Every structure is written in C-alpha cells, then in structure tokens.
Amino acid sequence: MKRRLSTGLVVGSLVGIAIGIAVGIFAFDGRAGAVAACGIAGLIAGLLYGTIVGSFAGLESPDPGGEPSETPHPLSEPAVDEEHEPDGPGARGADRPG
C-alpha cells in the first residue's frame, strides 16, 4: 500500500504542477506570479487527487499468488479429503442383504 500511495503522490504532484503551469500560461499570459500561483494550486490539487487514487488502489485484491496465507506454500500441501455422507436407505446396494 505504501508503494501505491507514494506513486500516487509523485504522479499526482507532477501532473498537477504541469496542468497548473499550463493553465497559468494560457489564462494569465505568462505573468510569473500568476503562473507560479497556478503551479502551486496544481501541486496541491494533484497531491490530494494522487493521495485519494493511491489509497484506493491499495484496496485492490492482491495479484494471483500474492495473497496472504498461513503457510509459506499453500499449494504444496495435499488437498483435504472431502467428507461424504453415509449411504441412505435408497442408495445403491444399501437395501440388499449382504
């Protein structure tokens, strides 16, 4: 979960800064203060969005074979035999005297 959250923070902040600077350049004709303010706003929004997406990504099911288990190699142990119900009165061969 930490890896996905960290990835979300980094990617969200980079994308947020890029979008903020692009909006600042187009909306404010390249004025340095306005572009910087838009970049900071994009950074904050990107961090929040990346945090949310990264934390939700941590809730996904683990990859096949990466599930938590009580044994180190659960498939190496033999399967448990299934219990069968005893044959009832109408079962094949049960009503014939032996």
PDB file of N, CA and C in Angstrom:
ATOM      1  N   MET A   1       0.827  -1.182   0.000  1.00  0.00           N
ATOM      2  CA  MET A   1       0.000   0.000   0.000  1.00  0.00           C
ATOM      3  C   MET A   1       0.872   1.246   0.000  1.00  0.00           C
ATOM      4  N   LYS A   2       1.994   1.205   0.709  1.00  0.00           N
ATOM      5  CA  LYS A   2       2.867   2.377   0.746  1.00  0.00           C
ATOM      6  C   LYS A   2       3.411   2.702  -0.636  1.00  0.00           C
ATOM      7  N   ARG A   3       3.723   1.666  -1.398  1.00  0.00           N
ATOM      8  CA  ARG A   3       4.276   1.898  -2.740  1.00  0.00           C
ATOM      9  C   ARG A   3       3.244   2.560  -3.645  1.00  0.00           C
ATOM     10  N   ARG A   4       1.999   2.096  -3.579  1.00  0.00           N
ATOM     11  CA  ARG A   4       0.951   2.675  -4.424  1.00  0.00           C
ATOM     12  C   ARG A   4       0.605   4.094  -3.991  1.00  0.00           C
ATOM     13  N   LEU A   5       0.606   4.339  -2.693  1.00  0.00           N
ATOM     14  CA  LEU A   5       0.326   5.674  -2.195  1.00  0.00           C
ATOM     15  C   LEU A   5       1.449   6.634  -2.585  1.00  0.00           C
ATOM     16  N   SER A   6       2.685   6.196  -2.473  1.00  0.00           N
ATOM     17  CA  SER A   6       3.826   7.036  -2.871  1.00  0.00           C
ATOM     18  C   SER A   6       3.793   7.335  -4.367  1.00  0.00           C
ATOM     19  N   THR A   7       3.465   6.325  -5.151  1.00  0.00           N
ATOM     20  CA  THR A   7       3.364   6.534  -6.593  1.00  0.00           C
ATOM     21  C   THR A   7       2.260   7.534  -6.912  1.00  0.00           C
ATOM     22  N   GLY A   8       1.125   7.424  -6.231  1.00  0.00           N
ATOM     23  CA  GLY A   8       0.033   8.366  -6.437  1.00  0.00           C
ATOM     24  C   GLY A   8       0.425   9.786  -6.074  1.00  0.00           C
ATOM     25  N   LEU A   9       1.181   9.942  -4.998  1.00  0.00           N
ATOM     26  CA  LEU A   9       1.624  11.276  -4.587  1.00  0.00           C
ATOM     27  C   LEU A   9       2.572  11.892  -5.614  1.00  0.00           C
ATOM     28  N   VAL A  10       3.530  11.107  -6.080  1.00  0.00           N
ATOM     29  CA  VAL A  10       4.519  11.625  -7.025  1.00  0.00           C
ATOM     30  C   VAL A  10       3.874  11.956  -8.372  1.00  0.00           C
ATOM     31  N   VAL A  11       3.108  11.012  -8.902  1.00  0.00           N
ATOM     32  CA  VAL A  11       2.474  11.229 -10.205  1.00  0.00           C
ATOM     33  C   VAL A  11       1.446  12.357 -10.110  1.00  0.00           C
ATOM     34  N   GLY A  12       0.658  12.383  -9.042  1.00  0.00           N
ATOM     35  CA  GLY A  12      -0.334  13.440  -8.872  1.00  0.00           C
ATOM     36  C   GLY A  12       0.284  14.814  -8.775  1.00  0.00           C
ATOM     37  N   SER A  13       1.396  14.920  -8.055  1.00  0.00           N
ATOM     38  CA  SER A  13       2.035  16.232  -7.929  1.00  0.00           C
ATOM     39  C   SER A  13       2.652  16.686  -9.246  1.00  0.00           C
ATOM     40  N   LEU A  14       3.286  15.772  -9.978  1.00  0.00           N
ATOM     41  CA  LEU A  14       3.881  16.152 -11.265  1.00  0.00           C
ATOM     42  C   LEU A  14       2.823  16.568 -12.281  1.00  0.00           C
ATOM     43  N   VAL A  15       1.756  15.796 -12.352  1.00  0.00           N
ATOM     44  CA  VAL A  15       0.677  16.136 -13.289  1.00  0.00           C
ATOM     45  C   VAL A  15      -0.011  17.430 -12.855  1.00  0.00           C
ATOM     46  N   GLY A  16      -0.219  17.600 -11.559  1.00  0.00           N
ATOM     47  CA  GLY A  16      -0.846  18.814 -11.056  1.00  0.00           C
ATOM     48  C   GLY A  16      -0.032  20.058 -11.360  1.00  0.00           C
ATOM     49  N   ILE A  17       1.281  19.978 -11.161  1.00  0.00           N
ATOM     50  CA  ILE A  17       2.145  21.126 -11.481  1.00  0.00           C
ATOM     51  C   ILE A  17       2.096  21.427 -12.961  1.00  0.00           C
ATOM     52  N   ALA A  18       2.168  20.401 -13.799  1.00  0.00           N
ATOM     53  CA  ALA A  18       2.153  20.608 -15.255  1.00  0.00           C
ATOM     54  C   ALA A  18       0.849  21.257 -15.700  1.00  0.00           C
ATOM     55  N   ILE A  19      -0.269  20.756 -15.192  1.00  0.00           N
ATOM     56  CA  ILE A  19      -1.557  21.332 -15.577  1.00  0.00           C
ATOM     57  C   ILE A  19      -1.684  22.756 -15.032  1.00  0.00           C
ATOM     58  N   GLY A  20      -1.250  22.983 -13.782  1.00  0.00           N
ATOM     59  CA  GLY A  20      -1.316  24.321 -13.199  1.00  0.00           C
ATOM     60  C   GLY A  20      -0.493  25.334 -13.968  1.00  0.00           C
ATOM     61  N   ILE A  21       0.707  24.963 -14.362  1.00  0.00           N
ATOM     62  CA  ILE A  21       1.553  25.885 -15.125  1.00  0.00           C
ATOM     63  C   ILE A  21       0.956  26.145 -16.501  1.00  0.00           C
ATOM     64  N   ALA A  22       0.431  25.100 -17.143  1.00  0.00           N
ATOM     65  CA  ALA A  22      -0.195  25.291 -18.457  1.00  0.00           C
ATOM     66  C   ALA A  22      -1.397  26.228 -18.355  1.00  0.00           C
ATOM     67  N   VAL A  23      -2.236  26.039 -17.339  1.00  0.00           N
ATOM     68  CA  VAL A  23      -3.388  26.929 -17.153  1.00  0.00           C
ATOM     69  C   VAL A  23      -2.913  28.347 -16.863  1.00  0.00           C
ATOM     70  N   GLY A  24      -1.876  28.488 -16.035  1.00  0.00           N
ATOM     71  CA  GLY A  24      -1.342  29.811 -15.720  1.00  0.00           C
ATOM     72  C   GLY A  24      -0.796  30.534 -16.938  1.00  0.00           C
ATOM     73  N   ILE A  25      -0.115  29.808 -17.800  1.00  0.00           N
ATOM     74  CA  ILE A  25       0.443  30.434 -19.011  1.00  0.00           C
ATOM     75  C   ILE A  25      -0.668  30.883 -19.947  1.00  0.00           C
ATOM     76  N   PHE A  26      -1.664  30.034 -20.161  1.00  0.00           N
ATOM     77  CA  PHE A  26      -2.735  30.387 -21.094  1.00  0.00           C
ATOM     78  C   PHE A  26      -3.700  31.407 -20.513  1.00  0.00           C
ATOM     79  N   ALA A  27      -4.015  31.302 -19.241  1.00  0.00           N
ATOM     80  CA  ALA A  27      -5.034  32.179 -18.657  1.00  0.00           C
ATOM     81  C   ALA A  27      -4.472  33.556 -18.285  1.00  0.00           C
ATOM     82  N   PHE A  28      -3.214  33.631 -17.902  1.00  0.00           N
ATOM     83  CA  PHE A  28      -2.676  34.891 -17.407  1.00  0.00           C
ATOM     84  C   PHE A  28      -1.546  35.436 -18.276  1.00  0.00           C
ATOM     85  N   ASP A  29      -1.454  34.991 -19.502  1.00  0.00           N
ATOM     86  CA  ASP A  29      -0.490  35.497 -20.490  1.00  0.00           C
ATOM     87  C   ASP A  29       0.952  35.458 -20.005  1.00  0.00           C
ATOM     88  N   GLY A  30       1.292  34.479 -19.223  1.00  0.00           N
ATOM     89  CA  GLY A  30       2.675  34.261 -18.837  1.00  0.00           C
ATOM     90  C   GLY A  30       3.193  35.136 -17.719  1.00  0.00           C
ATOM     91  N   ARG A  31       2.339  35.831 -16.978  1.00  0.00           N
ATOM     92  CA  ARG A  31       2.830  36.615 -15.838  1.00  0.00           C
ATOM     93  C   ARG A  31       3.384  35.658 -14.792  1.00  0.00           C
ATOM     94  N   ALA A  32       4.579  35.920 -14.340  1.00  0.00           N
ATOM     95  CA  ALA A  32       5.321  34.977 -13.494  1.00  0.00           C
ATOM     96  C   ALA A  32       4.598  34.676 -12.188  1.00  0.00           C
ATOM     97  N   GLY A  33       4.079  35.682 -11.525  1.00  0.00           N
ATOM     98  CA  GLY A  33       3.399  35.461 -10.246  1.00  0.00           C
ATOM     99  C   GLY A  33       2.145  34.613 -10.399  1.00  0.00           C
ATOM    100  N   ALA A  34       1.382  34.892 -11.436  1.00  0.00           N
ATOM    101  CA  ALA A  34       0.145  34.141 -11.661  1.00  0.00           C
ATOM    102  C   ALA A  34       0.446  32.701 -12.080  1.00  0.00           C
ATOM    103  N   VAL A  35       1.476  32.526 -12.895  1.00  0.00           N
ATOM    104  CA  VAL A  35       1.856  31.175 -13.324  1.00  0.00           C
ATOM    105  C   VAL A  35       2.350  30.371 -12.124  1.00  0.00           C
ATOM    106  N   ALA A  36       3.128  31.003 -11.257  1.00  0.00           N
ATOM    107  CA  ALA A  36       3.615  30.311 -10.063  1.00  0.00           C
ATOM    108  C   ALA A  36       2.457  29.944  -9.141  1.00  0.00           C
ATOM    109  N   ALA A  37       1.503  30.853  -8.966  1.00  0.00           N
ATOM    110  CA  ALA A  37       0.340  30.569  -8.121  1.00  0.00           C
ATOM    111  C   ALA A  37      -0.478  29.415  -8.698  1.00  0.00           C
ATOM    112  N   CYS A  38      -0.651  29.400 -10.005  1.00  0.00           N
ATOM    113  CA  CYS A  38      -1.383  28.286 -10.633  1.00  0.00           C
ATOM    114  C   CYS A  38      -0.603  26.985 -10.496  1.00  0.00           C
ATOM    115  N   GLY A  39       0.710  27.048 -10.588  1.00  0.00           N
ATOM    116  CA  GLY A  39       1.528  25.849 -10.408  1.00  0.00           C
ATOM    117  C   GLY A  39       1.409  25.300  -8.994  1.00  0.00           C
ATOM    118  N   ILE A  40       1.411  26.197  -7.993  1.00  0.00           N
ATOM    119  CA  ILE A  40       1.252  25.760  -6.606  1.00  0.00           C
ATOM    120  C   ILE A  40      -0.142  25.183  -6.378  1.00  0.00           C
ATOM    121  N   ALA A  41      -1.159  25.834  -6.944  1.00  0.00           N
ATOM    122  CA  ALA A  41      -2.522  25.307  -6.821  1.00  0.00           C
ATOM    123  C   ALA A  41      -2.636  23.939  -7.487  1.00  0.00           C
ATOM    124  N   GLY A  42      -1.997  23.779  -8.642  1.00  0.00           N
ATOM    125  CA  GLY A  42      -1.987  22.479  -9.312  1.00  0.00           C
ATOM    126  C   GLY A  42      -1.259  21.425  -8.497  1.00  0.00           C
ATOM    127  N   LEU A  43      -0.184  21.827  -7.825  1.00  0.00           N
ATOM    128  CA  LEU A  43       0.545  20.907  -6.952  1.00  0.00           C
ATOM    129  C   LEU A  43      -0.347  20.415  -5.814  1.00  0.00           C
ATOM    130  N   ILE A  44      -1.056  21.335  -5.175  1.00  0.00           N
ATOM    131  CA  ILE A  44      -1.933  20.961  -4.060  1.00  0.00           C
ATOM    132  C   ILE A  44      -3.053  20.045  -4.539  1.00  0.00           C
ATOM    133  N   ALA A  45      -3.687  20.415  -5.652  1.00  0.00           N
ATOM    134  CA  ALA A  45      -4.779  19.589  -6.182  1.00  0.00           C
ATOM    135  C   ALA A  45      -4.259  18.217  -6.616  1.00  0.00           C
ATOM    136  N   GLY A  46      -3.087  18.187  -7.242  1.00  0.00           N
ATOM    137  CA  GLY A  46      -2.513  16.916  -7.680  1.00  0.00           C
ATOM    138  C   GLY A  46      -2.137  16.019  -6.512  1.00  0.00           C
ATOM    139  N   LEU A  47      -1.613  16.617  -5.439  1.00  0.00           N
ATOM    140  CA  LEU A  47      -1.289  15.827  -4.251  1.00  0.00           C
ATOM    141  C   LEU A  47      -2.542  15.210  -3.647  1.00  0.00           C
ATOM    142  N   LEU A  48      -3.597  16.001  -3.552  1.00  0.00           N
ATOM    143  CA  LEU A  48      -4.844  15.472  -2.989  1.00  0.00           C
ATOM    144  C   LEU A  48      -5.415  14.365  -3.864  1.00  0.00           C
ATOM    145  N   TYR A  49      -5.462  14.611  -5.165  1.00  0.00           N
ATOM    146  CA  TYR A  49      -6.010  13.604  -6.082  1.00  0.00           C
ATOM    147  C   TYR A  49      -5.139  12.345  -6.092  1.00  0.00           C
ATOM    148  N   GLY A  50      -3.820  12.516  -6.126  1.00  0.00           N
ATOM    149  CA  GLY A  50      -2.913  11.363  -6.110  1.00  0.00           C
ATOM    150  C   GLY A  50      -3.021  10.559  -4.831  1.00  0.00           C
ATOM    151  N   THR A  51      -3.235  11.257  -3.704  1.00  0.00           N
ATOM    152  CA  THR A  51      -3.404  10.561  -2.433  1.00  0.00           C
ATOM    153  C   THR A  51      -4.667   9.709  -2.443  1.00  0.00           C
ATOM    154  N   ILE A  52      -5.742  10.280  -2.948  1.00  0.00           N
ATOM    155  CA  ILE A  52      -7.012   9.539  -2.989  1.00  0.00           C
ATOM    156  C   ILE A  52      -6.901   8.329  -3.914  1.00  0.00           C
ATOM    157  N   VAL A  53      -6.396   8.547  -5.111  1.00  0.00           N
ATOM    158  CA  VAL A  53      -6.279   7.439  -6.072  1.00  0.00           C
ATOM    159  C   VAL A  53      -5.294   6.385  -5.570  1.00  0.00           C
ATOM    160  N   GLY A  54      -4.175   6.815  -4.996  1.00  0.00           N
ATOM    161  CA  GLY A  54      -3.193   5.865  -4.483  1.00  0.00           C
ATOM    162  C   GLY A  54      -3.718   5.042  -3.322  1.00  0.00           C
ATOM    163  N   SER A  55      -4.503   5.680  -2.447  1.00  0.00           N
ATOM    164  CA  SER A  55      -5.043   4.917  -1.313  1.00  0.00           C
ATOM    165  C   SER A  55      -6.141   3.960  -1.767  1.00  0.00           C
ATOM    166  N   PHE A  56      -6.946   4.362  -2.747  1.00  0.00           N
ATOM    167  CA  PHE A  56      -7.961   3.443  -3.258  1.00  0.00           C
ATOM    168  C   PHE A  56      -7.317   2.297  -4.028  1.00  0.00           C
ATOM    169  N   ALA A  57      -6.213   2.548  -4.702  1.00  0.00           N
ATOM    170  CA  ALA A  57      -5.526   1.488  -5.435  1.00  0.00           C
ATOM    171  C   ALA A  57      -4.965   0.455  -4.464  1.00  0.00           C
ATOM    172  N   GLY A  58      -4.664   0.862  -3.240  1.00  0.00           N
ATOM    173  CA  GLY A  58      -4.172  -0.069  -2.242  1.00  0.00           C
ATOM    174  C   GLY A  58      -5.238  -1.016  -1.734  1.00  0.00           C
ATOM    175  N   LEU A  59      -6.499  -0.740  -2.039  1.00  0.00           N
ATOM    176  CA  LEU A  59      -7.585  -1.591  -1.586  1.00  0.00           C
ATOM    177  C   LEU A  59      -7.901  -2.721  -2.563  1.00  0.00           C
ATOM    178  N   GLU A  60      -7.246  -2.731  -3.711  1.00  0.00           N
ATOM    179  CA  GLU A  60      -7.490  -3.776  -4.696  1.00  0.00           C
ATOM    180  C   GLU A  60      -7.008  -5.123  -4.179  1.00  0.00           C
ATOM    181  N   SER A  61      -7.545  -6.172  -4.759  1.00  0.00           N
ATOM    182  CA  SER A  61      -7.113  -7.522  -4.403  1.00  0.00           C
ATOM    183  C   SER A  61      -5.661  -7.714  -4.823  1.00  0.00           C
ATOM    184  N   PRO A  62      -4.905  -8.482  -4.084  1.00  0.00           N
ATOM    185  CA  PRO A  62      -3.513  -8.729  -4.477  1.00  0.00           C
ATOM    186  C   PRO A  62      -3.440  -9.558  -5.754  1.00  0.00           C
ATOM    187  N   ASP A  63      -2.297  -9.507  -6.383  1.00  0.00           N
ATOM    188  CA  ASP A  63      -2.081 -10.275  -7.598  1.00  0.00           C
ATOM    189  C   ASP A  63      -2.184 -11.764  -7.293  1.00  0.00           C
ATOM    190  N   PRO A  64      -2.612 -12.582  -8.280  1.00  0.00           N
ATOM    191  CA  PRO A  64      -2.697 -14.026  -8.042  1.00  0.00           C
ATOM    192  C   PRO A  64      -1.342 -14.583  -7.611  1.00  0.00           C
ATOM    193  N   GLY A  65      -1.373 -15.351  -6.551  1.00  0.00           N
ATOM    194  CA  GLY A  65      -0.157 -15.907  -5.991  1.00  0.00           C
ATOM    195  C   GLY A  65       0.443 -15.027  -4.906  1.00  0.00           C
ATOM    196  N   GLY A  66      -0.039 -13.779  -4.788  1.00  0.00           N
ATOM    197  CA  GLY A  66       0.494 -12.871  -3.788  1.00  0.00           C
ATOM    198  C   GLY A  66      -0.436 -12.673  -2.614  1.00  0.00           C
ATOM    199  N   GLU A  67      -1.436 -13.526  -2.492  1.00  0.00           N
ATOM    200  CA  GLU A  67      -2.386 -13.414  -1.402  1.00  0.00           C
ATOM    201  C   GLU A  67      -1.726 -13.802  -0.084  1.00  0.00           C
ATOM    202  N   PRO A  68      -2.161 -13.190   1.011  1.00  0.00           N
ATOM    203  CA  PRO A  68      -1.616 -13.612   2.304  1.00  0.00           C
ATOM    204  C   PRO A  68      -2.084 -15.020   2.638  1.00  0.00           C
ATOM    205  N   SER A  69      -1.245 -15.779   3.300  1.00  0.00           N
ATOM    206  CA  SER A  69      -1.567 -17.163   3.616  1.00  0.00           C
ATOM    207  C   SER A  69      -0.967 -17.531   4.962  1.00  0.00           C
ATOM    208  N   GLU A  70      -1.501 -18.592   5.566  1.00  0.00           N
ATOM    209  CA  GLU A  70      -0.971 -19.071   6.837  1.00  0.00           C
ATOM    210  C   GLU A  70       0.231 -19.985   6.639  1.00  0.00           C
ATOM    211  N   THR A  71       0.415 -20.495   5.447  1.00  0.00           N
ATOM    212  CA  THR A  71       1.543 -21.369   5.166  1.00  0.00           C
ATOM    213  C   THR A  71       2.392 -20.732   4.070  1.00  0.00           C
ATOM    214  N   PRO A  72       3.676 -21.024   4.024  1.00  0.00           N
ATOM    215  CA  PRO A  72       4.525 -20.406   3.014  1.00  0.00           C
ATOM    216  C   PRO A  72       4.160 -20.823   1.587  1.00  0.00           C
ATOM    217  N   HIS A  73       3.796 -22.081   1.395  1.00  0.00           N
ATOM    218  CA  HIS A  73       3.446 -22.578   0.066  1.00  0.00           C
ATOM    219  C   HIS A  73       2.142 -23.364   0.174  1.00  0.00           C
ATOM    220  N   PRO A  74       0.985 -22.680   0.112  1.00  0.00           N
ATOM    221  CA  PRO A  74      -0.274 -23.379   0.365  1.00  0.00           C
ATOM    222  C   PRO A  74      -0.612 -24.453  -0.665  1.00  0.00           C
ATOM    223  N   LEU A  75      -0.138 -24.323  -1.886  1.00  0.00           N
ATOM    224  CA  LEU A  75      -0.475 -25.321  -2.896  1.00  0.00           C
ATOM    225  C   LEU A  75       0.410 -26.557  -2.820  1.00  0.00           C
ATOM    226  N   SER A  76       1.480 -26.518  -2.019  1.00  0.00           N
ATOM    227  CA  SER A  76       2.348 -27.681  -1.915  1.00  0.00           C
ATOM    228  C   SER A  76       1.787 -28.733  -0.966  1.00  0.00           C
ATOM    229  N   GLU A  77       0.838 -28.348  -0.128  1.00  0.00           N
ATOM    230  CA  GLU A  77       0.226 -29.312   0.796  1.00  0.00           C
ATOM    231  C   GLU A  77      -0.873 -30.085   0.076  1.00  0.00           C
ATOM    232  N   PRO A  78      -1.058 -31.368   0.420  1.00  0.00           N
ATOM    233  CA  PRO A  78      -2.119 -32.129  -0.240  1.00  0.00           C
ATOM    234  C   PRO A  78      -3.494 -31.586   0.151  1.00  0.00           C
ATOM    235  N   ALA A  79      -4.423 -31.770  -0.750  1.00  0.00           N
ATOM    236  CA  ALA A  79      -5.781 -31.294  -0.501  1.00  0.00           C
ATOM    237  C   ALA A  79      -6.445 -32.121   0.588  1.00  0.00           C
ATOM    238  N   VAL A  80      -7.360 -31.524   1.284  1.00  0.00           N
ATOM    239  CA  VAL A  80      -8.112 -32.221   2.331  1.00  0.00           C
ATOM    240  C   VAL A  80      -9.179 -33.076   1.651  1.00  0.00           C
ATOM    241  N   ASP A  81      -9.299 -34.339   2.093  1.00  0.00           N
ATOM    242  CA  ASP A  81     -10.326 -35.208   1.528  1.00  0.00           C
ATOM    243  C   ASP A  81     -11.702 -34.705   1.953  1.00  0.00           C
ATOM    244  N   GLU A  82     -12.625 -34.770   1.019  1.00  0.00           N
ATOM    245  CA  GLU A  82     -13.986 -34.343   1.331  1.00  0.00           C
ATOM    246  C   GLU A  82     -14.700 -35.435   2.119  1.00  0.00           C
ATOM    247  N   GLU A  83     -15.526 -35.004   3.041  1.00  0.00           N
ATOM    248  CA  GLU A  83     -16.309 -35.961   3.808  1.00  0.00           C
ATOM    249  C   GLU A  83     -17.580 -36.276   3.034  1.00  0.00           C
ATOM    250  N   HIS A  84     -17.906 -37.556   2.924  1.00  0.00           N
ATOM    251  CA  HIS A  84     -19.106 -37.976   2.217  1.00  0.00           C
ATOM    252  C   HIS A  84     -20.136 -38.431   3.237  1.00  0.00           C
ATOM    253  N   GLU A  85     -21.380 -38.169   2.922  1.00  0.00           N
ATOM    254  CA  GLU A  85     -22.458 -38.627   3.808  1.00  0.00           C
ATOM    255  C   GLU A  85     -22.605 -40.142   3.654  1.00  0.00           C
ATOM    256  N   PRO A  86     -22.974 -40.830   4.735  1.00  0.00           N
ATOM    257  CA  PRO A  86     -23.167 -42.285   4.614  1.00  0.00           C
ATOM    258  C   PRO A  86     -24.336 -42.577   3.676  1.00  0.00           C
ATOM    259  N   ASP A  87     -24.243 -43.724   3.053  1.00  0.00           N
ATOM    260  CA  ASP A  87     -25.300 -44.105   2.110  1.00  0.00           C
ATOM    261  C   ASP A  87     -26.628 -44.251   2.838  1.00  0.00           C
ATOM    262  N   GLY A  88     -27.664 -43.683   2.263  1.00  0.00           N
ATOM    263  CA  GLY A  88     -29.008 -43.751   2.853  1.00  0.00           C
ATOM    264  C   GLY A  88     -29.715 -45.026   2.460  1.00  0.00           C
ATOM    265  N   PRO A  89     -30.978 -45.212   2.930  1.00  0.00           N
ATOM    266  CA  PRO A  89     -31.697 -46.439   2.640  1.00  0.00           C
ATOM    267  C   PRO A  89     -31.955 -46.647   1.161  1.00  0.00           C
ATOM    268  N   GLY A  90     -32.073 -45.600   0.384  1.00  0.00           N
ATOM    269  CA  GLY A  90     -32.357 -45.774  -1.054  1.00  0.00           C
ATOM    270  C   GLY A  90     -31.104 -45.797  -1.892  1.00  0.00           C
ATOM    271  N   ALA A  91     -29.955 -45.795  -1.251  1.00  0.00           N
ATOM    272  CA  ALA A  91     -28.718 -45.760  -2.016  1.00  0.00           C
ATOM    273  C   ALA A  91     -28.458 -47.107  -2.681  1.00  0.00           C
ATOM    274  N   ARG A  92     -27.692 -47.097  -3.687  1.00  0.00           N
ATOM    275  CA  ARG A  92     -27.406 -48.291  -4.453  1.00  0.00           C
ATOM    276  C   ARG A  92     -26.670 -49.318  -3.592  1.00  0.00           C
ATOM    277  N   GLY A  93     -27.234 -50.485  -3.461  1.00  0.00           N
ATOM    278  CA  GLY A  93     -26.615 -51.578  -2.731  1.00  0.00           C
ATOM    279  C   GLY A  93     -26.885 -51.551  -1.251  1.00  0.00           C
ATOM    280  N   ALA A  94     -27.528 -50.526  -0.744  1.00  0.00           N
ATOM    281  CA  ALA A  94     -27.744 -50.420   0.705  1.00  0.00           C
ATOM    282  C   ALA A  94     -28.932 -51.271   1.165  1.00  0.00           C
ATOM    283  N   ASP A  95     -29.928 -51.538   0.266  1.00  0.00           N
ATOM    284  CA  ASP A  95     -31.105 -52.308   0.693  1.00  0.00           C
ATOM    285  C   ASP A  95     -30.984 -53.798   0.403  1.00  0.00           C
ATOM    286  N   ARG A  96     -29.887 -54.220  -0.119  1.00  0.00           N
ATOM    287  CA  ARG A  96     -29.673 -55.642  -0.387  1.00  0.00           C
ATOM    288  C   ARG A  96     -28.968 -56.278   0.797  1.00  0.00           C
ATOM    289  N   PRO A  97     -29.431 -57.419   1.253  1.00  0.00           N
ATOM    290  CA  PRO A  97     -28.704 -58.083   2.342  1.00  0.00           C
ATOM    291  C   PRO A  97     -27.384 -58.611   1.853  1.00  0.00           C
ATOM    292  N   GLY A  98     -26.387 -58.539   2.664  1.00  0.00           N
ATOM    293  CA  GLY A  98     -25.045 -58.902   2.259  1.00  0.00           C
ATOM    294  C   GLY A  98     -24.663 -60.221   2.630  1.00  0.00           C
TER     295      GLY A  98
END
